[in-house]
ModelCIF file with pLDDT and N, C-alpha, C, O atoms, coordinates in Angstrom:
data_MODEL
#
_entry.id   MODEL 
#
_entity.id                         1 
_entity.type                       polymer 
_entity.pdbx_number_of_molecules   1 
#
_entity_poly.entity_id                      1 
_entity_poly.type                           'polypeptide(L)' 
_entity_poly.nstd_linkage                   no 
_entity_poly.nstd_monomer                   no 
_entity_poly.pdbx_seq_one_letter_code       
;(UNK)(UNK)(UNK)(UNK)(UNK)(UNK)(UNK)(UNK)(UNK)(UNK)(UNK)(UNK)(UNK)(UNK)(UNK)(UNK)
(UNK)(UNK)(UNK)(UNK)(UNK)(UNK)(UNK)(UNK)(UNK)(UNK)(UNK)(UNK)(UNK)(UNK)(UNK)(UNK)
(UNK)(UNK)(UNK)(UNK)(UNK)(UNK)(UNK)(UNK)(UNK)(UNK)(UNK)(UNK)
;
_entity_poly.pdbx_seq_one_letter_code_can   XXXXXXXXXXXXXXXXXXXXXXXXXXXXXXXXXXXXXXXXXXXX 
_entity_poly.pdbx_strand_id                 A 
#
loop_
_entity_poly_seq.entity_id 
_entity_poly_seq.num 
_entity_poly_seq.mon_id 
_entity_poly_seq.hetero 
1 1  UNK n 
1 2  UNK n 
1 3  UNK n 
1 4  UNK n 
1 5  UNK n 
1 6  UNK n 
1 7  UNK n 
1 8  UNK n 
1 9  UNK n 
1 10 UNK n 
1 11 UNK n 
1 12 UNK n 
1 13 UNK n 
1 14 UNK n 
1 15 UNK n 
1 16 UNK n 
1 17 UNK n 
1 18 UNK n 
1 19 UNK n 
1 20 UNK n 
1 21 UNK n 
1 22 UNK n 
1 23 UNK n 
1 24 UNK n 
1 25 UNK n 
1 26 UNK n 
1 27 UNK n 
1 28 UNK n 
1 29 UNK n 
1 30 UNK n 
1 31 UNK n 
1 32 UNK n 
1 33 UNK n 
1 34 UNK n 
1 35 UNK n 
1 36 UNK n 
1 37 UNK n 
1 38 UNK n 
1 39 UNK n 
1 40 UNK n 
1 41 UNK n 
1 42 UNK n 
1 43 UNK n 
1 44 UNK n 
#
_struct_asym.id          A 
_struct_asym.entity_id   1 
#
loop_
_ma_qa_metric.id 
_ma_qa_metric.mode 
_ma_qa_metric.name 
_ma_qa_metric.software_group_id 
_ma_qa_metric.type 
1 global pLDDT . pLDDT 
2 local  pLDDT . pLDDT 
#
_ma_qa_metric_global.metric_id      1 
_ma_qa_metric_global.metric_value   97.11 
_ma_qa_metric_global.model_id       1 
_ma_qa_metric_global.ordinal_id     1 
#
loop_
_ma_qa_metric_local.label_asym_id 
_ma_qa_metric_local.label_comp_id 
_ma_qa_metric_local.label_seq_id 
_ma_qa_metric_local.metric_id 
_ma_qa_metric_local.metric_value 
_ma_qa_metric_local.model_id 
_ma_qa_metric_local.ordinal_id 
A UNK 1  2 94.00 1 1  
A UNK 2  2 94.00 1 2  
A UNK 3  2 95.00 1 3  
A UNK 4  2 96.00 1 4  
A UNK 5  2 96.00 1 5  
A UNK 6  2 96.00 1 6  
A UNK 7  2 92.00 1 7  
A UNK 8  2 96.00 1 8  
A UNK 9  2 96.00 1 9  
A UNK 10 2 97.00 1 10 
A UNK 11 2 97.00 1 11 
A UNK 12 2 98.00 1 12 
A UNK 13 2 98.00 1 13 
A UNK 14 2 98.00 1 14 
A UNK 15 2 98.00 1 15 
A UNK 16 2 98.00 1 16 
A UNK 17 2 98.00 1 17 
A UNK 18 2 98.00 1 18 
A UNK 19 2 98.00 1 19 
A UNK 20 2 98.00 1 20 
A UNK 21 2 98.00 1 21 
A UNK 22 2 98.00 1 22 
A UNK 23 2 98.00 1 23 
A UNK 24 2 98.00 1 24 
A UNK 25 2 98.00 1 25 
A UNK 26 2 98.00 1 26 
A UNK 27 2 98.00 1 27 
A UNK 28 2 98.00 1 28 
A UNK 29 2 98.00 1 29 
A UNK 30 2 98.00 1 30 
A UNK 31 2 98.00 1 31 
A UNK 32 2 97.00 1 32 
A UNK 33 2 98.00 1 33 
A UNK 34 2 98.00 1 34 
A UNK 35 2 98.00 1 35 
A UNK 36 2 98.00 1 36 
A UNK 37 2 98.00 1 37 
A UNK 38 2 98.00 1 38 
A UNK 39 2 98.00 1 39 
A UNK 40 2 98.00 1 40 
A UNK 41 2 97.00 1 41 
A UNK 42 2 96.00 1 42 
A UNK 43 2 95.00 1 43 
A UNK 44 2 95.00 1 44 
#
loop_
_atom_site.group_PDB 
_atom_site.id 
_atom_site.type_symbol 
_atom_site.label_atom_id 
_atom_site.label_alt_id 
_atom_site.label_comp_id 
_atom_site.label_asym_id 
_atom_site.label_entity_id 
_atom_site.label_seq_id 
_atom_site.pdbx_PDB_ins_code 
_atom_site.Cartn_x 
_atom_site.Cartn_y 
_atom_site.Cartn_z 
_atom_site.occupancy 
_atom_site.B_iso_or_equiv 
_atom_site.pdbx_formal_charge 
_atom_site.auth_seq_id 
_atom_site.auth_comp_id 
_atom_site.auth_asym_id 
_atom_site.auth_atom_id 
_atom_site.pdbx_PDB_model_num 
ATOM 1   N N  . UNK A 1 1  ? -73.403 -27.760 62.869 1.00 94.00 ? 1  UNK A N  1 
ATOM 2   C CA . UNK A 1 1  ? -73.901 -27.135 61.645 1.00 94.00 ? 1  UNK A CA 1 
ATOM 3   C C  . UNK A 1 1  ? -75.398 -27.258 61.529 1.00 94.00 ? 1  UNK A C  1 
ATOM 4   O O  . UNK A 1 1  ? -75.892 -28.184 60.885 1.00 94.00 ? 1  UNK A O  1 
ATOM 5   N N  . UNK A 1 2  ? -76.129 -26.355 62.131 1.00 94.00 ? 2  UNK A N  1 
ATOM 6   C CA . UNK A 1 2  ? -77.560 -26.421 62.367 1.00 94.00 ? 2  UNK A CA 1 
ATOM 7   C C  . UNK A 1 2  ? -77.976 -27.546 63.284 1.00 94.00 ? 2  UNK A C  1 
ATOM 8   O O  . UNK A 1 2  ? -78.988 -27.427 63.974 1.00 94.00 ? 2  UNK A O  1 
ATOM 9   N N  . UNK A 1 3  ? -77.239 -28.622 63.315 1.00 95.00 ? 3  UNK A N  1 
ATOM 10  C CA . UNK A 1 3  ? -77.475 -29.737 64.272 1.00 95.00 ? 3  UNK A CA 1 
ATOM 11  C C  . UNK A 1 3  ? -76.104 -30.236 64.686 1.00 95.00 ? 3  UNK A C  1 
ATOM 12  O O  . UNK A 1 3  ? -75.076 -30.012 64.047 1.00 95.00 ? 3  UNK A O  1 
ATOM 13  N N  . UNK A 1 4  ? -76.182 -30.972 65.875 1.00 96.00 ? 4  UNK A N  1 
ATOM 14  C CA . UNK A 1 4  ? -74.935 -31.606 66.344 1.00 96.00 ? 4  UNK A CA 1 
ATOM 15  C C  . UNK A 1 4  ? -74.666 -32.860 65.480 1.00 96.00 ? 4  UNK A C  1 
ATOM 16  O O  . UNK A 1 4  ? -75.581 -33.461 64.919 1.00 96.00 ? 4  UNK A O  1 
ATOM 17  N N  . UNK A 1 5  ? -73.443 -33.204 65.403 1.00 96.00 ? 5  UNK A N  1 
ATOM 18  C CA . UNK A 1 5  ? -73.088 -34.431 64.646 1.00 96.00 ? 5  UNK A CA 1 
ATOM 19  C C  . UNK A 1 5  ? -73.606 -35.632 65.457 1.00 96.00 ? 5  UNK A C  1 
ATOM 20  O O  . UNK A 1 5  ? -74.073 -36.599 64.856 1.00 96.00 ? 5  UNK A O  1 
ATOM 21  N N  . UNK A 1 6  ? -73.542 -35.606 66.782 1.00 96.00 ? 6  UNK A N  1 
ATOM 22  C CA . UNK A 1 6  ? -74.048 -36.615 67.656 1.00 96.00 ? 6  UNK A CA 1 
ATOM 23  C C  . UNK A 1 6  ? -74.909 -35.972 68.735 1.00 96.00 ? 6  UNK A C  1 
ATOM 24  O O  . UNK A 1 6  ? -74.455 -35.068 69.437 1.00 96.00 ? 6  UNK A O  1 
ATOM 25  N N  . UNK A 1 7  ? -76.110 -36.418 68.866 1.00 92.00 ? 7  UNK A N  1 
ATOM 26  C CA . UNK A 1 7  ? -77.022 -35.869 69.825 1.00 92.00 ? 7  UNK A CA 1 
ATOM 27  C C  . UNK A 1 7  ? -76.744 -36.223 71.259 1.00 92.00 ? 7  UNK A C  1 
ATOM 28  O O  . UNK A 1 7  ? -75.813 -36.981 71.529 1.00 92.00 ? 7  UNK A O  1 
ATOM 29  N N  . UNK A 1 8  ? -77.496 -35.718 72.164 1.00 96.00 ? 8  UNK A N  1 
ATOM 30  C CA . UNK A 1 8  ? -77.383 -36.120 73.594 1.00 96.00 ? 8  UNK A CA 1 
ATOM 31  C C  . UNK A 1 8  ? -77.677 -37.635 73.708 1.00 96.00 ? 8  UNK A C  1 
ATOM 32  O O  . UNK A 1 8  ? -78.410 -38.199 72.896 1.00 96.00 ? 8  UNK A O  1 
ATOM 33  N N  . UNK A 1 9  ? -77.098 -38.262 74.715 1.00 96.00 ? 9  UNK A N  1 
ATOM 34  C CA . UNK A 1 9  ? -76.246 -37.719 75.776 1.00 96.00 ? 9  UNK A CA 1 
ATOM 35  C C  . UNK A 1 9  ? -74.740 -37.699 75.368 1.00 96.00 ? 9  UNK A C  1 
ATOM 36  O O  . UNK A 1 9  ? -73.900 -37.308 76.179 1.00 96.00 ? 9  UNK A O  1 
ATOM 37  N N  . UNK A 1 10 ? -74.400 -38.107 74.150 1.00 97.00 ? 10 UNK A N  1 
ATOM 38  C CA . UNK A 1 10 ? -72.924 -38.332 73.857 1.00 97.00 ? 10 UNK A CA 1 
ATOM 39  C C  . UNK A 1 10 ? -72.284 -37.000 73.351 1.00 97.00 ? 10 UNK A C  1 
ATOM 40  O O  . UNK A 1 10 ? -71.258 -36.599 73.899 1.00 97.00 ? 10 UNK A O  1 
ATOM 41  N N  . UNK A 1 11 ? -72.829 -36.327 72.368 1.00 97.00 ? 11 UNK A N  1 
ATOM 42  C CA . UNK A 1 11 ? -72.231 -35.153 71.788 1.00 97.00 ? 11 UNK A CA 1 
ATOM 43  C C  . UNK A 1 11 ? -70.881 -35.381 71.154 1.00 97.00 ? 11 UNK A C  1 
ATOM 44  O O  . UNK A 1 11 ? -70.677 -34.954 70.017 1.00 97.00 ? 11 UNK A O  1 
ATOM 45  N N  . UNK A 1 12 ? -69.984 -36.004 71.798 1.00 98.00 ? 12 UNK A N  1 
ATOM 46  C CA . UNK A 1 12 ? -68.626 -36.294 71.315 1.00 98.00 ? 12 UNK A CA 1 
ATOM 47  C C  . UNK A 1 12 ? -68.645 -37.728 70.682 1.00 98.00 ? 12 UNK A C  1 
ATOM 48  O O  . UNK A 1 12 ? -69.304 -38.648 71.166 1.00 98.00 ? 12 UNK A O  1 
ATOM 49  N N  . UNK A 1 13 ? -67.896 -37.837 69.601 1.00 98.00 ? 13 UNK A N  1 
ATOM 50  C CA . UNK A 1 13 ? -67.775 -39.118 68.964 1.00 98.00 ? 13 UNK A CA 1 
ATOM 51  C C  . UNK A 1 13 ? -66.525 -39.907 69.480 1.00 98.00 ? 13 UNK A C  1 
ATOM 52  O O  . UNK A 1 13 ? -65.552 -39.291 69.915 1.00 98.00 ? 13 UNK A O  1 
ATOM 53  N N  . UNK A 1 14 ? -66.555 -41.188 69.432 1.00 98.00 ? 14 UNK A N  1 
ATOM 54  C CA . UNK A 1 14 ? -65.353 -41.971 69.784 1.00 98.00 ? 14 UNK A CA 1 
ATOM 55  C C  . UNK A 1 14 ? -64.160 -41.464 68.916 1.00 98.00 ? 14 UNK A C  1 
ATOM 56  O O  . UNK A 1 14 ? -64.383 -41.148 67.748 1.00 98.00 ? 14 UNK A O  1 
ATOM 57  N N  . UNK A 1 15 ? -62.986 -41.378 69.402 1.00 98.00 ? 15 UNK A N  1 
ATOM 58  C CA . UNK A 1 15 ? -61.865 -40.916 68.683 1.00 98.00 ? 15 UNK A CA 1 
ATOM 59  C C  . UNK A 1 15 ? -61.669 -41.804 67.433 1.00 98.00 ? 15 UNK A C  1 
ATOM 60  O O  . UNK A 1 15 ? -61.801 -43.025 67.515 1.00 98.00 ? 15 UNK A O  1 
ATOM 61  N N  . UNK A 1 16 ? -61.364 -41.206 66.318 1.00 98.00 ? 16 UNK A N  1 
ATOM 62  C CA . UNK A 1 16 ? -61.166 -41.948 65.109 1.00 98.00 ? 16 UNK A CA 1 
ATOM 63  C C  . UNK A 1 16 ? -62.386 -42.448 64.397 1.00 98.00 ? 16 UNK A C  1 
ATOM 64  O O  . UNK A 1 16 ? -62.302 -43.268 63.483 1.00 98.00 ? 16 UNK A O  1 
ATOM 65  N N  . UNK A 1 17 ? -63.557 -41.934 64.834 1.00 98.00 ? 17 UNK A N  1 
ATOM 66  C CA . UNK A 1 17 ? -64.806 -42.323 64.188 1.00 98.00 ? 17 UNK A CA 1 
ATOM 67  C C  . UNK A 1 17 ? -64.785 -41.989 62.659 1.00 98.00 ? 17 UNK A C  1 
ATOM 68  O O  . UNK A 1 17 ? -65.248 -42.774 61.832 1.00 98.00 ? 17 UNK A O  1 
ATOM 69  N N  . UNK A 1 18 ? -64.235 -40.804 62.328 1.00 98.00 ? 18 UNK A N  1 
ATOM 70  C CA . UNK A 1 18 ? -64.198 -40.368 60.965 1.00 98.00 ? 18 UNK A CA 1 
ATOM 71  C C  . UNK A 1 18 ? -62.938 -40.935 60.317 1.00 98.00 ? 18 UNK A C  1 
ATOM 72  O O  . UNK A 1 18 ? -61.919 -40.261 60.163 1.00 98.00 ? 18 UNK A O  1 
ATOM 73  N N  . UNK A 1 19 ? -63.058 -42.172 59.955 1.00 98.00 ? 19 UNK A N  1 
ATOM 74  C CA . UNK A 1 19 ? -61.857 -43.016 59.607 1.00 98.00 ? 19 UNK A CA 1 
ATOM 75  C C  . UNK A 1 19 ? -61.244 -42.617 58.254 1.00 98.00 ? 19 UNK A C  1 
ATOM 76  O O  . UNK A 1 19 ? -60.092 -42.975 58.008 1.00 98.00 ? 19 UNK A O  1 
ATOM 77  N N  . UNK A 1 20 ? -61.906 -41.937 57.413 1.00 98.00 ? 20 UNK A N  1 
ATOM 78  C CA . UNK A 1 20 ? -61.354 -41.474 56.141 1.00 98.00 ? 20 UNK A CA 1 
ATOM 79  C C  . UNK A 1 20 ? -61.058 -39.960 56.137 1.00 98.00 ? 20 UNK A C  1 
ATOM 80  O O  . UNK A 1 20 ? -60.912 -39.341 55.083 1.00 98.00 ? 20 UNK A O  1 
ATOM 81  N N  . UNK A 1 21 ? -60.976 -39.393 57.340 1.00 98.00 ? 21 UNK A N  1 
ATOM 82  C CA . UNK A 1 21 ? -60.838 -37.918 57.507 1.00 98.00 ? 21 UNK A CA 1 
ATOM 83  C C  . UNK A 1 21 ? -59.572 -37.589 58.232 1.00 98.00 ? 21 UNK A C  1 
ATOM 84  O O  . UNK A 1 21 ? -59.559 -36.606 58.972 1.00 98.00 ? 21 UNK A O  1 
ATOM 85  N N  . UNK A 1 22 ? -58.502 -38.336 58.078 1.00 98.00 ? 22 UNK A N  1 
ATOM 86  C CA . UNK A 1 22 ? -57.234 -38.078 58.706 1.00 98.00 ? 22 UNK A CA 1 
ATOM 87  C C  . UNK A 1 22 ? -56.576 -36.834 58.098 1.00 98.00 ? 22 UNK A C  1 
ATOM 88  O O  . UNK A 1 22 ? -56.854 -36.449 56.963 1.00 98.00 ? 22 UNK A O  1 
ATOM 89  N N  . UNK A 1 23 ? -55.689 -36.218 58.901 1.00 98.00 ? 23 UNK A N  1 
ATOM 90  C CA . UNK A 1 23 ? -54.786 -35.165 58.433 1.00 98.00 ? 23 UNK A CA 1 
ATOM 91  C C  . UNK A 1 23 ? -53.744 -35.803 57.534 1.00 98.00 ? 23 UNK A C  1 
ATOM 92  O O  . UNK A 1 23 ? -53.614 -37.027 57.532 1.00 98.00 ? 23 UNK A O  1 
ATOM 93  N N  . UNK A 1 24 ? -52.998 -35.018 56.770 1.00 98.00 ? 24 UNK A N  1 
ATOM 94  C CA . UNK A 1 24 ? -51.922 -35.541 55.931 1.00 98.00 ? 24 UNK A CA 1 
ATOM 95  C C  . UNK A 1 24 ? -50.945 -36.370 56.713 1.00 98.00 ? 24 UNK A C  1 
ATOM 96  O O  . UNK A 1 24 ? -50.319 -37.261 56.139 1.00 98.00 ? 24 UNK A O  1 
ATOM 97  N N  . UNK A 1 25 ? -50.775 -36.122 58.019 1.00 98.00 ? 25 UNK A N  1 
ATOM 98  C CA . UNK A 1 25 ? -49.804 -36.914 58.791 1.00 98.00 ? 25 UNK A CA 1 
ATOM 99  C C  . UNK A 1 25 ? -50.456 -38.068 59.538 1.00 98.00 ? 25 UNK A C  1 
ATOM 100 O O  . UNK A 1 25 ? -49.756 -38.837 60.196 1.00 98.00 ? 25 UNK A O  1 
ATOM 101 N N  . UNK A 1 26 ? -51.764 -38.211 59.456 1.00 98.00 ? 26 UNK A N  1 
ATOM 102 C CA . UNK A 1 26 ? -52.477 -39.344 59.993 1.00 98.00 ? 26 UNK A CA 1 
ATOM 103 C C  . UNK A 1 26 ? -53.104 -39.147 61.371 1.00 98.00 ? 26 UNK A C  1 
ATOM 104 O O  . UNK A 1 26 ? -53.358 -40.124 62.075 1.00 98.00 ? 26 UNK A O  1 
ATOM 105 N N  . UNK A 1 27 ? -53.355 -37.908 61.764 1.00 98.00 ? 27 UNK A N  1 
ATOM 106 C CA . UNK A 1 27 ? -54.078 -37.675 62.999 1.00 98.00 ? 27 UNK A CA 1 
ATOM 107 C C  . UNK A 1 27 ? -55.579 -37.636 62.713 1.00 98.00 ? 27 UNK A C  1 
ATOM 108 O O  . UNK A 1 27 ? -56.008 -37.459 61.573 1.00 98.00 ? 27 UNK A O  1 
ATOM 109 N N  . UNK A 1 28 ? -56.382 -37.810 63.802 1.00 98.00 ? 28 UNK A N  1 
ATOM 110 C CA . UNK A 1 28 ? -57.826 -37.765 63.695 1.00 98.00 ? 28 UNK A CA 1 
ATOM 111 C C  . UNK A 1 28 ? -58.445 -36.733 64.676 1.00 98.00 ? 28 UNK A C  1 
ATOM 112 O O  . UNK A 1 28 ? -57.946 -36.537 65.784 1.00 98.00 ? 28 UNK A O  1 
ATOM 113 N N  . UNK A 1 29 ? -59.499 -36.111 64.254 1.00 98.00 ? 29 UNK A N  1 
ATOM 114 C CA . UNK A 1 29 ? -60.242 -35.257 65.152 1.00 98.00 ? 29 UNK A CA 1 
ATOM 115 C C  . UNK A 1 29 ? -59.537 -33.946 65.574 1.00 98.00 ? 29 UNK A C  1 
ATOM 116 O O  . UNK A 1 29 ? -59.926 -33.351 66.579 1.00 98.00 ? 29 UNK A O  1 
ATOM 117 N N  . UNK A 1 30 ? -58.497 -33.478 64.817 1.00 98.00 ? 30 UNK A N  1 
ATOM 118 C CA . UNK A 1 30 ? -57.970 -32.183 65.168 1.00 98.00 ? 30 UNK A CA 1 
ATOM 119 C C  . UNK A 1 30 ? -58.922 -31.081 64.763 1.00 98.00 ? 30 UNK A C  1 
ATOM 120 O O  . UNK A 1 30 ? -58.691 -29.921 65.105 1.00 98.00 ? 30 UNK A O  1 
ATOM 121 N N  . UNK A 1 31 ? -59.995 -31.406 64.040 1.00 98.00 ? 31 UNK A N  1 
ATOM 122 C CA . UNK A 1 31 ? -61.051 -30.471 63.796 1.00 98.00 ? 31 UNK A CA 1 
ATOM 123 C C  . UNK A 1 31 ? -62.313 -31.017 64.440 1.00 98.00 ? 31 UNK A C  1 
ATOM 124 O O  . UNK A 1 31 ? -62.812 -32.068 64.036 1.00 98.00 ? 31 UNK A O  1 
ATOM 125 N N  . UNK A 1 32 ? -62.843 -30.302 65.457 1.00 97.00 ? 32 UNK A N  1 
ATOM 126 C CA . UNK A 1 32 ? -64.007 -30.709 66.104 1.00 97.00 ? 32 UNK A CA 1 
ATOM 127 C C  . UNK A 1 32 ? -63.838 -31.689 67.325 1.00 97.00 ? 32 UNK A C  1 
ATOM 128 O O  . UNK A 1 32 ? -62.714 -31.927 67.768 1.00 97.00 ? 32 UNK A O  1 
ATOM 129 N N  . UNK A 1 33 ? -64.859 -32.197 67.807 1.00 98.00 ? 33 UNK A N  1 
ATOM 130 C CA . UNK A 1 33 ? -64.928 -33.114 69.010 1.00 98.00 ? 33 UNK A CA 1 
ATOM 131 C C  . UNK A 1 33 ? -64.678 -32.297 70.242 1.00 98.00 ? 33 UNK A C  1 
ATOM 132 O O  . UNK A 1 33 ? -65.614 -31.977 70.974 1.00 98.00 ? 33 UNK A O  1 
ATOM 133 N N  . UNK A 1 34 ? -63.428 -31.950 70.491 1.00 98.00 ? 34 UNK A N  1 
ATOM 134 C CA . UNK A 1 34 ? -63.132 -30.987 71.629 1.00 98.00 ? 34 UNK A CA 1 
ATOM 135 C C  . UNK A 1 34 ? -61.988 -30.067 71.156 1.00 98.00 ? 34 UNK A C  1 
ATOM 136 O O  . UNK A 1 34 ? -61.133 -30.402 70.337 1.00 98.00 ? 34 UNK A O  1 
ATOM 137 N N  . UNK A 1 35 ? -62.071 -28.896 71.755 1.00 98.00 ? 35 UNK A N  1 
ATOM 138 C CA . UNK A 1 35 ? -60.921 -28.000 71.643 1.00 98.00 ? 35 UNK A CA 1 
ATOM 139 C C  . UNK A 1 35 ? -59.726 -28.666 72.250 1.00 98.00 ? 35 UNK A C  1 
ATOM 140 O O  . UNK A 1 35 ? -59.906 -29.474 73.161 1.00 98.00 ? 35 UNK A O  1 
ATOM 141 N N  . UNK A 1 36 ? -58.509 -28.391 71.814 1.00 98.00 ? 36 UNK A N  1 
ATOM 142 C CA . UNK A 1 36 ? -57.303 -29.106 72.315 1.00 98.00 ? 36 UNK A CA 1 
ATOM 143 C C  . UNK A 1 36 ? -56.321 -28.036 72.771 1.00 98.00 ? 36 UNK A C  1 
ATOM 144 O O  . UNK A 1 36 ? -56.015 -27.086 72.050 1.00 98.00 ? 36 UNK A O  1 
ATOM 145 N N  . UNK A 1 37 ? -55.833 -28.229 74.013 1.00 98.00 ? 37 UNK A N  1 
ATOM 146 C CA . UNK A 1 37 ? -54.790 -27.283 74.556 1.00 98.00 ? 37 UNK A CA 1 
ATOM 147 C C  . UNK A 1 37 ? -53.487 -27.357 73.736 1.00 98.00 ? 37 UNK A C  1 
ATOM 148 O O  . UNK A 1 37 ? -53.113 -28.394 73.189 1.00 98.00 ? 37 UNK A O  1 
ATOM 149 N N  . UNK A 1 38 ? -52.819 -26.186 73.688 1.00 98.00 ? 38 UNK A N  1 
ATOM 150 C CA . UNK A 1 38 ? -51.438 -26.237 73.260 1.00 98.00 ? 38 UNK A CA 1 
ATOM 151 C C  . UNK A 1 38 ? -50.665 -25.366 74.200 1.00 98.00 ? 38 UNK A C  1 
ATOM 152 O O  . UNK A 1 38 ? -51.289 -24.749 75.063 1.00 98.00 ? 38 UNK A O  1 
ATOM 153 N N  . UNK A 1 39 ? -49.351 -25.256 74.113 1.00 98.00 ? 39 UNK A N  1 
ATOM 154 C CA . UNK A 1 39 ? -48.470 -24.577 75.021 1.00 98.00 ? 39 UNK A CA 1 
ATOM 155 C C  . UNK A 1 39 ? -48.486 -23.100 74.897 1.00 98.00 ? 39 UNK A C  1 
ATOM 156 O O  . UNK A 1 39 ? -48.005 -22.410 75.796 1.00 98.00 ? 39 UNK A O  1 
ATOM 157 N N  . UNK A 1 40 ? -49.029 -22.558 73.804 1.00 98.00 ? 40 UNK A N  1 
ATOM 158 C CA . UNK A 1 40 ? -48.880 -21.135 73.522 1.00 98.00 ? 40 UNK A CA 1 
ATOM 159 C C  . UNK A 1 40 ? -49.365 -20.243 74.677 1.00 98.00 ? 40 UNK A C  1 
ATOM 160 O O  . UNK A 1 40 ? -50.431 -20.464 75.251 1.00 98.00 ? 40 UNK A O  1 
ATOM 161 N N  . UNK A 1 41 ? -48.574 -19.261 74.986 1.00 97.00 ? 41 UNK A N  1 
ATOM 162 C CA . UNK A 1 41 ? -48.927 -18.265 75.975 1.00 97.00 ? 41 UNK A CA 1 
ATOM 163 C C  . UNK A 1 41 ? -49.523 -17.081 75.173 1.00 97.00 ? 41 UNK A C  1 
ATOM 164 O O  . UNK A 1 41 ? -48.814 -16.289 74.552 1.00 97.00 ? 41 UNK A O  1 
ATOM 165 N N  . UNK A 1 42 ? -50.844 -17.016 75.226 1.00 96.00 ? 42 UNK A N  1 
ATOM 166 C CA . UNK A 1 42 ? -51.537 -15.992 74.351 1.00 96.00 ? 42 UNK A CA 1 
ATOM 167 C C  . UNK A 1 42 ? -51.632 -14.633 75.032 1.00 96.00 ? 42 UNK A C  1 
ATOM 168 O O  . UNK A 1 42 ? -51.615 -13.584 74.388 1.00 96.00 ? 42 UNK A O  1 
ATOM 169 N N  . UNK A 1 43 ? -51.733 -14.688 76.343 1.00 95.00 ? 43 UNK A N  1 
ATOM 170 C CA . UNK A 1 43 ? -51.777 -13.441 77.155 1.00 95.00 ? 43 UNK A CA 1 
ATOM 171 C C  . UNK A 1 43 ? -51.216 -13.788 78.542 1.00 95.00 ? 43 UNK A C  1 
ATOM 172 O O  . UNK A 1 43 ? -50.711 -14.886 78.771 1.00 95.00 ? 43 UNK A O  1 
ATOM 173 N N  . UNK A 1 44 ? -51.321 -12.828 79.444 1.00 95.00 ? 44 UNK A N  1 
ATOM 174 C CA . UNK A 1 44 ? -50.800 -13.088 80.867 1.00 95.00 ? 44 UNK A CA 1 
ATOM 175 C C  . UNK A 1 44 ? -51.624 -14.190 81.511 1.00 95.00 ? 44 UNK A C  1 
ATOM 176 O O  . UNK A 1 44 ? -51.374 -14.557 82.659 1.00 95.00 ? 44 UNK A O  1 
#
């Protein structure tokens, strides 16, 4: 958002860094850090 959350050389944060930003089920980093694969077949 105009800047990276974490600058070079890291870019990604350690998992769980945003300790008060869990999903309602208790997961962390489902928004941001890295895209995450799922099983969906979107195209051929």
